[in-house]
Amino acid sequence: MSVQVAEAQAPILNAGHRCDACSSSRAYVVVILKWSPTLRNGGELLFCAHCYRKHEQALQLFVAQVIDERYTLTKHIADDGHFE
């Protein structure tokens, strides 16, 4: 089964969105869950980059779509490695 992964044109997450796993870090990934009779709902989870990497494999059974904005972490880094 393949999971649809999308990079938003303009980021939809901001500094107010927090990781549902660790509650302290800014969220960069939205995981939209499939509807399941076991879970009784679909819904979504927000993850920071670290927690998403940590839980990515386990989530594959439940994921309908992933909106990945981790690209914004490096968007402003110049070729020499310094922030623009």
Protein backbone atom coordinates (compact mmCIF):
# COMPACT_ATOMS: atom_id res chain seq x y z
CA MET A 1 0.00 0.00 0.00
CA SER A 2 1.31 3.45 -0.83
CA VAL A 3 0.74 6.52 1.28
CA GLN A 4 0.21 9.87 -0.35
CA VAL A 5 2.88 12.31 0.77
CA ALA A 6 2.39 15.96 -0.08
CA GLU A 7 4.55 19.00 0.37
CA ALA A 8 2.31 22.03 0.78
CA GLN A 9 2.91 24.94 -1.60
CA ALA A 10 2.77 27.35 1.31
CA PRO A 11 3.28 25.93 4.79
CA ILE A 12 0.04 25.32 6.69
CA LEU A 13 1.72 24.71 10.04
CA ASN A 14 3.10 27.52 12.16
CA ALA A 15 4.91 27.89 15.49
CA GLY A 16 1.62 27.43 17.35
CA HIS A 17 1.22 23.85 16.11
CA ARG A 18 2.82 21.40 18.53
CA CYS A 19 3.85 17.76 18.21
CA ASP A 20 1.19 15.39 19.58
CA ALA A 21 3.88 12.90 20.62
CA CYS A 22 6.25 15.09 22.65
CA SER A 23 4.06 18.19 23.14
CA SER A 24 7.02 20.55 23.21
CA SER A 25 8.42 20.77 19.67
CA ARG A 26 6.97 22.58 16.71
CA ALA A 27 5.03 20.32 14.34
CA TYR A 28 6.27 19.93 10.77
CA VAL A 29 4.30 16.86 9.67
CA VAL A 30 0.52 16.31 9.55
CA VAL A 31 -0.56 12.67 9.46
CA ILE A 32 -4.16 12.23 8.34
CA LEU A 33 -5.48 8.91 9.58
CA LYS A 34 -7.76 6.51 7.73
CA TRP A 35 -11.19 5.87 9.13
CA SER A 36 -11.21 2.65 11.09
CA PRO A 37 -14.04 0.83 12.87
CA THR A 38 -11.52 -0.01 15.60
CA LEU A 39 -10.47 3.60 16.09
CA ARG A 40 -14.04 4.81 15.43
CA ASN A 41 -12.73 7.88 13.65
CA GLY A 42 -10.12 9.21 11.28
CA GLY A 43 -8.53 12.39 12.47
CA GLU A 44 -5.04 13.74 12.27
CA LEU A 45 -1.85 13.79 14.27
CA LEU A 46 0.87 16.43 14.27
CA PHE A 47 4.52 15.48 14.61
CA CYS A 48 7.84 17.26 14.93
CA ALA A 49 10.54 16.00 12.56
CA HIS A 50 12.17 13.80 15.22
CA CYS A 51 8.96 12.10 16.42
CA TYR A 52 7.73 11.53 12.86
CA ARG A 53 10.97 9.72 11.97
CA LYS A 54 10.65 7.70 15.18
CA HIS A 55 7.03 6.61 14.53
CA GLU A 56 6.88 6.63 10.72
CA GLN A 57 7.00 2.85 10.21
CA ALA A 58 4.38 2.11 12.89
CA LEU A 59 2.00 4.70 11.42
CA GLN A 60 1.94 3.18 7.93
CA LEU A 61 -1.04 0.93 8.72
CA PHE A 62 -3.21 3.88 9.74
CA VAL A 63 -2.16 6.69 7.38
CA ALA A 64 -4.32 8.06 4.58
CA GLN A 65 -2.13 11.08 3.79
CA VAL A 66 1.01 12.78 5.07
CA ILE A 67 1.62 16.51 4.68
CA ASP A 68 5.36 16.91 5.17
CA GLU A 69 6.70 20.41 5.78
CA ARG A 70 10.13 19.38 7.04
CA TYR A 71 11.57 21.05 3.95
CA THR A 72 10.96 24.38 5.72
CA LEU A 73 13.68 23.45 8.23
CA THR A 74 16.37 23.91 5.57
CA LYS A 75 14.61 26.37 3.25
CA HIS A 76 16.70 29.35 4.36
CA ILE A 77 20.12 27.70 4.46
CA ALA A 78 22.49 28.90 1.76
CA ASP A 79 24.85 26.61 -0.17
CA ASP A 80 27.67 27.42 2.24
CA GLY A 81 25.63 26.11 5.18
CA HIS A 82 24.83 29.51 6.69
CA PHE A 83 21.36 30.93 7.16
CA GLU A 84 20.34 33.57 4.64
